[in-house]
Amino acid sequence: MSRTNTSYRTGETVERSGNYISESGQKNQLQEGEKFPNCPVNGNETTWSYVE
């Protein structure tokens, strides 16, 4: 099952290690078990999407 179109919110747990991109376009490498962080640009809650 592909998760490329799945989005995650700040505070949710990362289920798959890899690269994610925020709504502001900033990439971040996250590890399984971490929490999705706030936006690296403005510090607010944001949506993250997995990128291959």
C-alpha atoms as a PDB file:
ATOM      1  CA  MET A   1       0.000   0.000   0.000  1.00  0.00           C
ATOM      2  CA  SER A   2       1.426   3.378  -1.000  1.00  0.00           C
ATOM      3  CA  ARG A   3       1.442   6.168   1.556  1.00  0.00           C
ATOM      4  CA  THR A   4       2.715   8.921  -0.738  1.00  0.00           C
ATOM      5  CA  ASN A   5      -0.573  10.846  -0.577  1.00  0.00           C
ATOM      6  CA  THR A   6      -1.106  10.427   3.158  1.00  0.00           C
ATOM      7  CA  SER A   7      -0.736  13.476   5.348  1.00  0.00           C
ATOM      8  CA  TYR A   8       0.098  13.730   9.023  1.00  0.00           C
ATOM      9  CA  ARG A   9      -0.418  16.513  11.565  1.00  0.00           C
ATOM     10  CA  THR A  10       1.991  17.995  14.096  1.00  0.00           C
ATOM     11  CA  GLY A  11       2.053  15.807  17.210  1.00  0.00           C
ATOM     12  CA  GLU A  12       1.146  12.555  15.462  1.00  0.00           C
ATOM     13  CA  THR A  13       3.615   9.660  15.680  1.00  0.00           C
ATOM     14  CA  VAL A  14       5.818   8.908  12.661  1.00  0.00           C
ATOM     15  CA  GLU A  15       4.955   5.375  11.499  1.00  0.00           C
ATOM     16  CA  ARG A  16       7.546   5.167   8.704  1.00  0.00           C
ATOM     17  CA  SER A  17      11.079   6.571   8.770  1.00  0.00           C
ATOM     18  CA  GLY A  18      11.907   8.776   5.820  1.00  0.00           C
ATOM     19  CA  ASN A  19      11.684  12.224   4.325  1.00  0.00           C
ATOM     20  CA  TYR A  20       8.622  14.364   4.881  1.00  0.00           C
ATOM     21  CA  ILE A  21       7.685  17.777   3.534  1.00  0.00           C
ATOM     22  CA  SER A  22       5.688  20.372   5.442  1.00  0.00           C
ATOM     23  CA  GLU A  23       2.944  22.641   4.097  1.00  0.00           C
ATOM     24  CA  SER A  24       5.583  25.374   3.798  1.00  0.00           C
ATOM     25  CA  GLY A  25       7.730  23.144   1.556  1.00  0.00           C
ATOM     26  CA  GLN A  26      10.479  22.362   4.077  1.00  0.00           C
ATOM     27  CA  LYS A  27      11.853  18.811   4.014  1.00  0.00           C
ATOM     28  CA  ASN A  28      12.712  16.993   7.224  1.00  0.00           C
ATOM     29  CA  GLN A  29      14.072  13.481   7.789  1.00  0.00           C
ATOM     30  CA  LEU A  30      12.031  11.833  10.542  1.00  0.00           C
ATOM     31  CA  GLN A  31      12.456   8.500  12.299  1.00  0.00           C
ATOM     32  CA  GLU A  32       9.761   5.978  13.195  1.00  0.00           C
ATOM     33  CA  GLY A  33       8.412   6.664  16.689  1.00  0.00           C
ATOM     34  CA  GLU A  34       9.190  10.405  16.662  1.00  0.00           C
ATOM     35  CA  LYS A  35       6.411  12.985  16.795  1.00  0.00           C
ATOM     36  CA  PHE A  36       5.783  15.178  13.774  1.00  0.00           C
ATOM     37  CA  PRO A  37       7.189  18.603  14.666  1.00  0.00           C
ATOM     38  CA  ASN A  38       5.768  22.075  14.246  1.00  0.00           C
ATOM     39  CA  CYS A  39       6.451  23.913  11.007  1.00  0.00           C
ATOM     40  CA  PRO A  40      10.188  24.685  10.711  1.00  0.00           C
ATOM     41  CA  VAL A  41       9.349  28.053   9.106  1.00  0.00           C
ATOM     42  CA  ASN A  42       6.768  29.619  11.439  1.00  0.00           C
ATOM     43  CA  GLY A  43       6.638  27.242  14.441  1.00  0.00           C
ATOM     44  CA  ASN A  44       2.900  26.574  14.075  1.00  0.00           C
ATOM     45  CA  GLU A  45       1.138  23.232  13.720  1.00  0.00           C
ATOM     46  CA  THR A  46       1.325  21.951  10.162  1.00  0.00           C
ATOM     47  CA  THR A  47       0.616  19.035   7.869  1.00  0.00           C
ATOM     48  CA  TRP A  48       3.444  16.728   6.749  1.00  0.00           C
ATOM     49  CA  SER A  49       3.479  14.474   3.678  1.00  0.00           C
ATOM     50  CA  TYR A  50       5.804  11.535   3.004  1.00  0.00           C
ATOM     51  CA  VAL A  51       8.101  11.958  -0.003  1.00  0.00           C
ATOM     52  CA  GLU A  52       9.911   9.121  -1.782  1.00  0.00           C
END
